[in-house]
Amino acid sequence: QVQLVESGGGSVLPGGSLILSCRASGPSIDNANIGWLRRSSGPQLELVAMAWDDRRREDGEFAEGRATISRDNIKMIVSLALTNLKPEDAGDYYCFANTGGRAFWGQGTHISVSA
């Protein structure tokens, strides 16, 4: 069973930075496409960034270049560096993986941005 464990959330001042980490494990995880989604309010999720298994990287629109995803295929950790955080960036951030035709989710980690 694929498991995704997020860490690195917390409270930060506007303009601050955070690094979120997702430790992935399970069968065929090294071939999985792994990324980060965000939920601010309501049920809708939006893409923050994606690390494809073919080394492509994809950024969502919301971060406007303030999010950088990286992937360590040896440690199987996918990190998300967020910079110049704004109050509207607050929310729950989820690591997800697509492999073998199935999607898997972590429990999420929360970010608060306030003065």
N, C-alpha and C. Protein backbone atom coordinates (compact mmCIF):
# COMPACT_ATOMS: atom_id res chain seq x y z
N GLN A 1 0.84 -1.18 0.00
CA GLN A 1 0.00 0.00 0.00
C GLN A 1 0.89 1.24 0.00
N VAL A 2 0.57 2.19 -0.87
CA VAL A 2 1.31 3.43 -0.92
C VAL A 2 0.97 4.28 0.30
N GLN A 3 1.99 4.85 0.91
CA GLN A 3 1.79 5.74 2.04
C GLN A 3 2.51 7.05 1.77
N LEU A 4 1.85 8.14 2.14
CA LEU A 4 2.40 9.48 1.96
C LEU A 4 2.30 10.20 3.29
N VAL A 5 3.41 10.68 3.80
CA VAL A 5 3.43 11.35 5.09
C VAL A 5 4.00 12.74 4.91
N GLU A 6 3.15 13.75 5.18
CA GLU A 6 3.58 15.13 5.02
C GLU A 6 4.14 15.69 6.32
N SER A 7 5.01 16.67 6.18
CA SER A 7 5.52 17.40 7.34
C SER A 7 5.94 18.79 6.88
N GLY A 8 6.13 19.68 7.85
CA GLY A 8 6.68 20.99 7.53
C GLY A 8 5.70 22.13 7.57
N GLY A 9 4.42 21.87 7.81
CA GLY A 9 3.46 22.96 7.90
C GLY A 9 3.65 23.75 9.19
N GLY A 10 2.90 24.83 9.32
CA GLY A 10 2.99 25.63 10.52
C GLY A 10 2.53 27.05 10.26
N SER A 11 2.86 27.91 11.21
CA SER A 11 2.48 29.32 11.10
C SER A 11 3.67 30.15 10.65
N VAL A 12 3.42 31.12 9.81
CA VAL A 12 4.50 31.95 9.28
C VAL A 12 3.97 33.36 9.08
N LEU A 13 4.84 34.32 9.17
CA LEU A 13 4.48 35.71 8.91
C LEU A 13 4.37 35.95 7.41
N PRO A 14 3.55 36.91 7.01
CA PRO A 14 3.51 37.26 5.58
C PRO A 14 4.91 37.60 5.07
N GLY A 15 5.21 37.08 3.89
CA GLY A 15 6.55 37.25 3.35
C GLY A 15 7.51 36.14 3.73
N GLY A 16 7.09 35.29 4.62
CA GLY A 16 7.96 34.21 5.09
C GLY A 16 7.98 33.03 4.13
N SER A 17 8.74 32.01 4.52
CA SER A 17 8.93 30.82 3.67
C SER A 17 8.72 29.56 4.50
N LEU A 18 8.35 28.50 3.83
CA LEU A 18 8.23 27.19 4.44
C LEU A 18 8.64 26.13 3.43
N ILE A 19 9.12 25.01 3.96
CA ILE A 19 9.38 23.85 3.12
C ILE A 19 8.53 22.69 3.62
N LEU A 20 7.67 22.19 2.76
CA LEU A 20 6.87 21.02 3.08
C LEU A 20 7.56 19.79 2.50
N SER A 21 7.47 18.69 3.22
CA SER A 21 8.07 17.44 2.75
C SER A 21 7.02 16.35 2.73
N CYS A 22 7.13 15.49 1.74
CA CYS A 22 6.26 14.32 1.61
C CYS A 22 7.15 13.10 1.47
N ARG A 23 7.08 12.24 2.46
CA ARG A 23 7.83 10.98 2.40
C ARG A 23 6.91 9.91 1.84
N ALA A 24 7.31 9.35 0.71
CA ALA A 24 6.47 8.38 0.00
C ALA A 24 7.06 6.99 0.11
N SER A 25 6.21 6.00 0.27
CA SER A 25 6.65 4.62 0.33
C SER A 25 5.57 3.71 -0.25
N GLY A 26 5.99 2.52 -0.65
CA GLY A 26 5.03 1.56 -1.16
C GLY A 26 5.44 1.01 -2.52
N PRO A 27 4.67 0.07 -3.04
CA PRO A 27 5.01 -0.57 -4.30
C PRO A 27 4.97 0.41 -5.47
N SER A 28 6.00 0.36 -6.30
CA SER A 28 6.09 1.17 -7.52
C SER A 28 6.08 2.66 -7.25
N ILE A 29 6.41 3.06 -6.03
CA ILE A 29 6.35 4.49 -5.72
C ILE A 29 7.37 5.27 -6.52
N ASP A 30 8.47 4.63 -6.89
CA ASP A 30 9.48 5.38 -7.64
C ASP A 30 9.01 5.70 -9.05
N ASN A 31 7.97 5.05 -9.52
CA ASN A 31 7.39 5.35 -10.83
C ASN A 31 6.15 6.24 -10.74
N ALA A 32 5.83 6.69 -9.56
CA ALA A 32 4.62 7.47 -9.36
C ALA A 32 4.84 8.94 -9.72
N ASN A 33 3.78 9.56 -10.16
CA ASN A 33 3.75 11.02 -10.29
C ASN A 33 3.28 11.56 -8.94
N ILE A 34 4.05 12.45 -8.35
CA ILE A 34 3.76 12.92 -6.99
C ILE A 34 3.69 14.44 -7.00
N GLY A 35 2.71 14.96 -6.29
CA GLY A 35 2.57 16.41 -6.26
C GLY A 35 1.90 16.90 -5.01
N TRP A 36 1.60 18.18 -5.00
CA TRP A 36 0.97 18.84 -3.88
C TRP A 36 -0.28 19.59 -4.35
N LEU A 37 -1.33 19.42 -3.56
CA LEU A 37 -2.57 20.15 -3.78
C LEU A 37 -2.87 21.00 -2.55
N ARG A 38 -3.69 21.99 -2.73
CA ARG A 38 -4.05 22.87 -1.62
C ARG A 38 -5.56 23.06 -1.56
N ARG A 39 -6.06 23.10 -0.32
CA ARG A 39 -7.45 23.45 -0.08
C ARG A 39 -7.46 24.63 0.89
N SER A 40 -8.03 25.75 0.45
CA SER A 40 -8.07 26.91 1.33
C SER A 40 -9.39 26.98 2.07
N SER A 41 -10.48 27.12 1.35
CA SER A 41 -11.80 27.08 1.96
C SER A 41 -12.73 26.37 1.00
N GLY A 42 -13.65 25.62 1.53
CA GLY A 42 -14.53 24.84 0.68
C GLY A 42 -13.86 23.56 0.21
N PRO A 43 -14.56 22.79 -0.59
CA PRO A 43 -14.04 21.47 -0.97
C PRO A 43 -13.04 21.48 -2.12
N GLN A 44 -12.94 22.59 -2.85
CA GLN A 44 -12.12 22.58 -4.06
C GLN A 44 -10.63 22.50 -3.74
N LEU A 45 -9.96 21.65 -4.49
CA LEU A 45 -8.52 21.50 -4.39
C LEU A 45 -7.87 22.15 -5.61
N GLU A 46 -6.72 22.78 -5.38
CA GLU A 46 -6.00 23.34 -6.52
C GLU A 46 -4.57 22.84 -6.53
N LEU A 47 -4.04 22.70 -7.70
CA LEU A 47 -2.68 22.19 -7.85
C LEU A 47 -1.68 23.26 -7.44
N VAL A 48 -0.74 22.85 -6.63
CA VAL A 48 0.38 23.72 -6.29
C VAL A 48 1.55 23.40 -7.21
N ALA A 49 1.95 22.15 -7.25
CA ALA A 49 3.05 21.73 -8.11
C ALA A 49 3.05 20.21 -8.23
N MET A 50 3.66 19.74 -9.32
CA MET A 50 3.68 18.32 -9.62
C MET A 50 5.07 17.91 -10.04
N ALA A 51 5.54 16.76 -9.54
CA ALA A 51 6.82 16.19 -9.97
C ALA A 51 6.51 14.88 -10.68
N TRP A 52 6.59 14.89 -12.01
CA TRP A 52 6.27 13.71 -12.79
C TRP A 52 7.43 12.72 -12.71
N ASP A 53 7.12 11.46 -12.94
CA ASP A 53 8.17 10.44 -12.82
C ASP A 53 9.20 10.54 -13.94
N ASP A 54 8.87 11.29 -15.01
CA ASP A 54 9.84 11.46 -16.10
C ASP A 54 10.68 12.73 -15.91
N ARG A 55 10.68 13.25 -14.68
CA ARG A 55 11.48 14.41 -14.26
C ARG A 55 10.87 15.75 -14.68
N ARG A 56 9.74 15.74 -15.36
CA ARG A 56 9.08 17.01 -15.63
C ARG A 56 8.55 17.60 -14.33
N ARG A 57 8.49 18.91 -14.30
CA ARG A 57 7.92 19.63 -13.17
C ARG A 57 6.81 20.52 -13.70
N GLU A 58 5.75 20.61 -12.95
CA GLU A 58 4.60 21.41 -13.36
C GLU A 58 4.17 22.26 -12.18
N ASP A 59 3.98 23.52 -12.40
CA ASP A 59 3.53 24.43 -11.35
C ASP A 59 2.08 24.82 -11.60
N GLY A 60 1.32 24.88 -10.51
CA GLY A 60 -0.02 25.39 -10.60
C GLY A 60 -0.01 26.91 -10.71
N GLU A 61 -1.15 27.48 -10.97
CA GLU A 61 -1.22 28.92 -11.19
C GLU A 61 -1.20 29.71 -9.90
N PHE A 62 -1.68 29.12 -8.82
CA PHE A 62 -1.93 29.95 -7.65
C PHE A 62 -0.66 30.51 -7.05
N ALA A 63 0.44 29.74 -7.12
CA ALA A 63 1.64 30.17 -6.43
C ALA A 63 2.41 31.25 -7.19
N GLU A 64 2.10 31.45 -8.45
CA GLU A 64 2.71 32.53 -9.25
C GLU A 64 4.23 32.52 -9.15
N GLY A 65 4.81 31.34 -9.25
CA GLY A 65 6.25 31.23 -9.24
C GLY A 65 6.86 31.20 -7.85
N ARG A 66 6.03 31.16 -6.83
CA ARG A 66 6.55 31.15 -5.46
C ARG A 66 6.66 29.75 -4.88
N ALA A 67 6.39 28.75 -5.68
CA ALA A 67 6.47 27.37 -5.23
C ALA A 67 7.47 26.61 -6.09
N THR A 68 8.34 25.87 -5.43
CA THR A 68 9.33 25.05 -6.13
C THR A 68 9.26 23.64 -5.61
N ILE A 69 9.00 22.71 -6.50
CA ILE A 69 8.92 21.30 -6.10
C ILE A 69 10.21 20.60 -6.47
N SER A 70 10.63 19.70 -5.60
CA SER A 70 11.81 18.90 -5.89
C SER A 70 11.55 17.47 -5.44
N ARG A 71 12.28 16.56 -6.06
CA ARG A 71 12.01 15.14 -5.83
C ARG A 71 13.32 14.40 -5.66
N ASP A 72 13.44 13.68 -4.58
CA ASP A 72 14.60 12.82 -4.30
C ASP A 72 14.15 11.39 -4.48
N ASN A 73 14.55 10.78 -5.59
CA ASN A 73 14.10 9.43 -5.90
C ASN A 73 14.83 8.35 -5.11
N ILE A 74 15.88 8.71 -4.40
CA ILE A 74 16.57 7.74 -3.56
C ILE A 74 15.89 7.68 -2.20
N LYS A 75 15.67 8.83 -1.61
CA LYS A 75 14.98 8.89 -0.32
C LYS A 75 13.46 8.85 -0.48
N MET A 76 12.99 9.05 -1.70
CA MET A 76 11.56 9.14 -2.01
C MET A 76 10.89 10.21 -1.16
N ILE A 77 11.46 11.38 -1.25
CA ILE A 77 10.89 12.55 -0.59
C ILE A 77 10.63 13.61 -1.67
N VAL A 78 9.43 14.12 -1.67
CA VAL A 78 9.07 15.22 -2.57
C VAL A 78 8.86 16.46 -1.71
N SER A 79 9.64 17.47 -1.95
CA SER A 79 9.60 18.69 -1.14
C SER A 79 8.97 19.82 -1.92
N LEU A 80 8.33 20.70 -1.18
CA LEU A 80 7.71 21.88 -1.77
C LEU A 80 8.18 23.10 -1.01
N ALA A 81 8.95 23.94 -1.67
CA ALA A 81 9.44 25.17 -1.06
C ALA A 81 8.52 26.32 -1.45
N LEU A 82 7.98 26.97 -0.44
CA LEU A 82 7.07 28.10 -0.66
C LEU A 82 7.73 29.37 -0.14
N THR A 83 7.75 30.39 -0.95
CA THR A 83 8.39 31.64 -0.57
C THR A 83 7.40 32.80 -0.67
N ASN A 84 7.76 33.90 0.01
CA ASN A 84 6.95 35.11 -0.02
C ASN A 84 5.47 34.77 0.22
N LEU A 85 5.23 34.05 1.29
CA LEU A 85 3.88 33.58 1.58
C LEU A 85 2.94 34.74 1.90
N LYS A 86 1.71 34.60 1.43
CA LYS A 86 0.68 35.59 1.64
C LYS A 86 -0.44 34.99 2.48
N PRO A 87 -1.23 35.83 3.13
CA PRO A 87 -2.34 35.29 3.93
C PRO A 87 -3.26 34.38 3.12
N GLU A 88 -3.45 34.69 1.85
CA GLU A 88 -4.33 33.85 1.02
C GLU A 88 -3.72 32.51 0.66
N ASP A 89 -2.46 32.30 0.98
CA ASP A 89 -1.83 31.00 0.76
C ASP A 89 -2.16 30.01 1.87
N ALA A 90 -2.74 30.48 2.92
CA ALA A 90 -3.06 29.60 4.05
C ALA A 90 -4.03 28.51 3.62
N GLY A 91 -3.92 27.36 4.28
CA GLY A 91 -4.82 26.27 3.97
C GLY A 91 -4.19 24.93 4.29
N ASP A 92 -4.85 23.90 3.84
CA ASP A 92 -4.36 22.54 4.03
C ASP A 92 -3.68 22.08 2.75
N TYR A 93 -2.48 21.57 2.89
CA TYR A 93 -1.68 21.13 1.76
C TYR A 93 -1.56 19.61 1.81
N TYR A 94 -1.87 18.99 0.69
CA TYR A 94 -1.90 17.53 0.62
C TYR A 94 -0.90 17.03 -0.42
N CYS A 95 -0.17 16.01 -0.03
CA CYS A 95 0.67 15.29 -0.97
C CYS A 95 -0.18 14.20 -1.61
N PHE A 96 -0.03 14.02 -2.91
CA PHE A 96 -0.77 12.96 -3.57
C PHE A 96 0.14 12.26 -4.58
N ALA A 97 -0.22 11.03 -4.90
CA ALA A 97 0.56 10.25 -5.85
C ALA A 97 -0.36 9.48 -6.76
N ASN A 98 0.02 9.42 -8.03
CA ASN A 98 -0.69 8.61 -9.01
C ASN A 98 0.24 7.51 -9.48
N THR A 99 -0.16 6.28 -9.28
CA THR A 99 0.63 5.15 -9.76
C THR A 99 -0.27 3.96 -9.97
N GLY A 100 0.02 3.21 -11.03
CA GLY A 100 -0.76 2.01 -11.29
C GLY A 100 -2.24 2.29 -11.49
N GLY A 101 -2.55 3.48 -11.99
CA GLY A 101 -3.95 3.81 -12.22
C GLY A 101 -4.73 4.18 -10.98
N ARG A 102 -4.05 4.35 -9.89
CA ARG A 102 -4.71 4.71 -8.63
C ARG A 102 -4.11 5.99 -8.06
N ALA A 103 -4.91 6.67 -7.26
CA ALA A 103 -4.47 7.89 -6.60
C ALA A 103 -4.42 7.67 -5.09
N PHE A 104 -3.40 8.23 -4.47
CA PHE A 104 -3.21 8.10 -3.03
C PHE A 104 -2.98 9.48 -2.44
N TRP A 105 -3.39 9.63 -1.17
CA TRP A 105 -3.33 10.93 -0.52
C TRP A 105 -2.69 10.82 0.85
N GLY A 106 -2.01 11.87 1.24
CA GLY A 106 -1.55 11.96 2.61
C GLY A 106 -2.62 12.59 3.48
N GLN A 107 -2.31 12.73 4.76
CA GLN A 107 -3.27 13.29 5.70
C GLN A 107 -3.34 14.81 5.61
N GLY A 108 -2.32 15.42 5.03
CA GLY A 108 -2.32 16.87 4.88
C GLY A 108 -1.54 17.56 5.99
N THR A 109 -1.10 18.74 5.67
CA THR A 109 -0.42 19.59 6.66
C THR A 109 -0.92 21.02 6.46
N HIS A 110 -1.08 21.74 7.57
CA HIS A 110 -1.74 23.04 7.52
C HIS A 110 -0.72 24.17 7.56
N ILE A 111 -0.99 25.21 6.78
CA ILE A 111 -0.18 26.43 6.79
C ILE A 111 -1.07 27.61 7.17
N SER A 112 -0.60 28.37 8.12
CA SER A 112 -1.25 29.62 8.50
C SER A 112 -0.30 30.76 8.17
N VAL A 113 -0.82 31.84 7.61
CA VAL A 113 0.00 33.00 7.27
C VAL A 113 -0.70 34.24 7.84
N SER A 114 -0.12 34.80 8.87
CA SER A 114 -0.73 35.97 9.48
C SER A 114 0.31 36.77 10.23
N ALA A 115 0.03 38.06 10.37
CA ALA A 115 0.96 38.95 11.08
C ALA A 115 0.80 38.79 12.57
